Amino acid sequence: MIKSTLILKISVFIMGIPVIFVCVLGIIEFISKGPFNPKYALILYPIFIVQYIAAIPFYFGLYQAYKILRLIDKGEAFSELTVLALKKIKYCAFTISGLYILVMPCYYFFAKLDDAPGILFINWIIIFTSIVIGFLGSVLQRLLKEAIEIKTENELTV
């Protein structure tokens, strides 16, 4: 059972590497050179701030996913701790999508100034992926609650 979740645990760590890489390299690049064009400064600052703020719920959500995998290893997958972790993942995903929706006008102006519509596409991918993860967490949370209730009822009847 531990081997089956090992690949998923490794995947959780691998998912965090690009975000930390972008955060560290982005801040180093931005501090060392500043905005490469002064007209981009007012647009880029909110984008960078939101990206760093969004990294917090992202890593918190990854930690909750890792926690669920540990509970599965212990044989406690059908517990209130798993439901609570799924609830936290749901809130993290909706927070990330909300932050990126909030900064969407900055992405629009940056794409318009730089003639780079791909930036808007990437932003929409982040928003919709976060929303899908949030709704998936919500559905799994509800299903797990129902499974726990059925399990509890079966234990009481025996």
Protein backbone atom coordinates (compact mmCIF):
# COMPACT_ATOMS: atom_id res chain seq x y z
CA MET A 1 0.00 0.00 0.00
CA ILE A 2 2.88 2.36 0.70
CA LYS A 3 4.35 1.69 -2.75
CA SER A 4 1.11 2.66 -4.46
CA THR A 5 1.15 6.14 -2.94
CA LEU A 6 4.90 6.64 -3.31
CA ILE A 7 4.59 7.76 -6.92
CA LEU A 8 1.84 10.20 -5.94
CA LYS A 9 3.95 11.60 -3.09
CA ILE A 10 6.85 12.11 -5.48
CA SER A 11 4.44 13.78 -7.91
CA VAL A 12 3.33 16.21 -5.20
CA PHE A 13 6.95 17.24 -4.63
CA ILE A 14 7.62 17.51 -8.36
CA MET A 15 4.56 19.76 -8.76
CA GLY A 16 6.05 22.19 -6.28
CA ILE A 17 9.43 22.48 -8.00
CA PRO A 18 8.41 24.67 -10.97
CA VAL A 19 6.54 27.12 -8.76
CA ILE A 20 9.45 27.59 -6.38
CA PHE A 21 11.77 27.84 -9.38
CA VAL A 22 9.65 30.59 -10.96
CA CYS A 23 9.28 32.42 -7.65
CA VAL A 24 13.00 32.39 -6.85
CA LEU A 25 14.19 33.15 -10.37
CA GLY A 26 11.46 35.72 -10.90
CA ILE A 27 12.31 37.70 -7.80
CA ILE A 28 16.04 37.55 -8.51
CA GLU A 29 15.51 38.70 -12.09
CA PHE A 30 13.05 41.41 -11.10
CA ILE A 31 15.23 42.80 -8.30
CA SER A 32 18.41 42.74 -10.35
CA LYS A 33 17.02 44.30 -13.52
CA GLY A 34 13.68 45.78 -12.53
CA PRO A 35 10.94 46.08 -15.09
CA PHE A 36 12.66 46.14 -18.48
CA ASN A 37 10.35 48.90 -19.67
CA PRO A 38 9.06 51.62 -17.30
CA LYS A 39 5.59 51.56 -18.86
CA TYR A 40 5.25 47.95 -17.71
CA ALA A 41 6.08 48.71 -14.06
CA LEU A 42 2.54 49.48 -12.89
CA ILE A 43 1.26 46.38 -14.65
CA LEU A 44 3.99 43.95 -13.58
CA TYR A 45 4.04 44.77 -9.86
CA PRO A 46 0.47 43.58 -9.19
CA ILE A 47 1.09 40.48 -11.31
CA PHE A 48 4.23 39.55 -9.35
CA ILE A 49 2.56 40.27 -6.02
CA VAL A 50 -0.42 38.05 -6.85
CA GLN A 51 1.86 35.27 -8.11
CA TYR A 52 3.76 35.23 -4.83
CA ILE A 53 0.59 35.44 -2.75
CA ALA A 54 -0.96 32.60 -4.82
CA ALA A 55 2.09 30.44 -4.11
CA ILE A 56 1.07 30.28 -0.45
CA PRO A 57 -2.29 28.51 -0.97
CA PHE A 58 -0.69 26.42 -3.72
CA TYR A 59 1.90 24.98 -1.35
CA PHE A 60 -0.66 24.65 1.43
CA GLY A 61 -2.86 22.64 -0.96
CA LEU A 62 0.09 20.45 -1.92
CA TYR A 63 0.77 19.83 1.75
CA GLN A 64 -2.87 18.82 2.26
CA ALA A 65 -2.62 16.41 -0.69
CA TYR A 66 0.51 14.91 0.86
CA LYS A 67 -1.34 14.62 4.15
CA ILE A 68 -4.16 12.70 2.44
CA LEU A 69 -1.61 10.32 0.93
CA ARG A 70 -0.09 9.72 4.37
CA LEU A 71 -3.57 8.99 5.76
CA ILE A 72 -4.12 6.49 2.94
CA ASP A 73 -0.83 4.80 3.87
CA LYS A 74 -1.99 4.51 7.48
CA GLY A 75 -5.32 3.02 6.39
CA GLU A 76 -7.26 6.07 7.58
CA ALA A 77 -8.50 7.27 4.19
CA PHE A 78 -12.13 7.26 5.37
CA SER A 79 -11.74 9.70 8.24
CA GLU A 80 -12.73 13.23 9.14
CA LEU A 81 -9.09 14.29 8.69
CA THR A 82 -9.31 13.42 5.01
CA VAL A 83 -12.56 15.35 4.66
CA LEU A 84 -10.95 18.34 6.36
CA ALA A 85 -7.90 18.14 4.08
CA LEU A 86 -10.14 18.03 0.99
CA LYS A 87 -12.02 21.05 2.29
CA LYS A 88 -8.74 22.95 2.68
CA ILE A 89 -7.65 21.94 -0.83
CA LYS A 90 -10.98 23.22 -2.17
CA TYR A 91 -10.52 26.59 -0.44
CA CYS A 92 -6.92 26.85 -1.66
CA ALA A 93 -7.97 26.21 -5.26
CA PHE A 94 -10.75 28.78 -5.13
CA THR A 95 -8.39 31.29 -3.51
CA ILE A 96 -5.86 30.86 -6.30
CA SER A 97 -8.50 31.29 -9.00
CA GLY A 98 -9.89 34.34 -7.21
CA LEU A 99 -6.47 35.95 -7.00
CA TYR A 100 -5.80 35.40 -10.69
CA ILE A 101 -9.26 36.72 -11.60
CA LEU A 102 -8.49 39.79 -9.50
CA VAL A 103 -5.30 40.50 -11.46
CA MET A 104 -6.79 39.62 -14.87
CA PRO A 105 -6.99 43.28 -16.00
CA CYS A 106 -3.23 43.62 -15.47
CA TYR A 107 -2.64 40.56 -17.64
CA TYR A 108 -4.92 42.05 -20.26
CA PHE A 109 -3.06 45.38 -20.33
CA PHE A 110 0.31 43.60 -20.38
CA ALA A 111 -0.82 41.42 -23.29
CA LYS A 112 -2.10 44.47 -25.11
CA LEU A 113 1.10 46.49 -24.57
CA ASP A 114 3.42 43.61 -25.41
CA ASP A 115 1.18 42.11 -28.13
CA ALA A 116 1.32 38.74 -26.39
CA PRO A 117 -2.14 37.15 -26.18
CA GLY A 118 -0.60 33.89 -24.96
CA ILE A 119 -0.20 35.45 -21.53
CA LEU A 120 -3.97 35.76 -21.26
CA PHE A 121 -4.34 32.13 -22.29
CA ILE A 122 -1.93 31.01 -19.56
CA ASN A 123 -3.83 33.08 -17.00
CA TRP A 124 -7.14 31.52 -18.06
CA ILE A 125 -5.59 28.04 -17.81
CA ILE A 126 -4.53 28.76 -14.22
CA ILE A 127 -7.99 30.11 -13.35
CA PHE A 128 -9.96 27.26 -14.88
CA THR A 129 -7.62 24.57 -13.57
CA SER A 130 -7.97 25.97 -10.06
CA ILE A 131 -11.74 26.10 -10.38
CA VAL A 132 -11.88 22.49 -11.61
CA ILE A 133 -9.65 21.35 -8.74
CA GLY A 134 -11.86 23.26 -6.30
CA PHE A 135 -15.04 21.64 -7.58
CA LEU A 136 -13.38 18.22 -7.68
CA GLY A 137 -12.33 18.69 -4.06
CA SER A 138 -15.88 19.68 -3.20
CA VAL A 139 -17.37 16.60 -4.87
CA LEU A 140 -14.80 14.27 -3.29
CA GLN A 141 -15.41 15.87 0.09
CA ARG A 142 -19.17 15.25 -0.18
CA LEU A 143 -18.68 11.66 -1.40
CA LEU A 144 -16.21 10.93 1.38
CA LYS A 145 -18.61 12.31 4.00
CA GLU A 146 -21.35 10.05 2.66
CA ALA A 147 -19.00 7.04 2.63
CA ILE A 148 -17.99 7.73 6.23
CA GLU A 149 -21.66 7.96 7.24
CA ILE A 150 -22.44 4.65 5.52
CA LYS A 151 -19.38 3.05 7.13
CA THR A 152 -20.45 4.31 10.55
CA GLU A 153 -24.00 3.01 10.07
CA ASN A 154 -22.69 -0.41 9.00
CA GLU A 155 -20.41 -0.59 12.03
CA LEU A 156 -23.32 0.22 14.34
CA THR A 157 -25.61 -2.44 12.84
CA VAL A 158 -23.05 -5.21 13.22
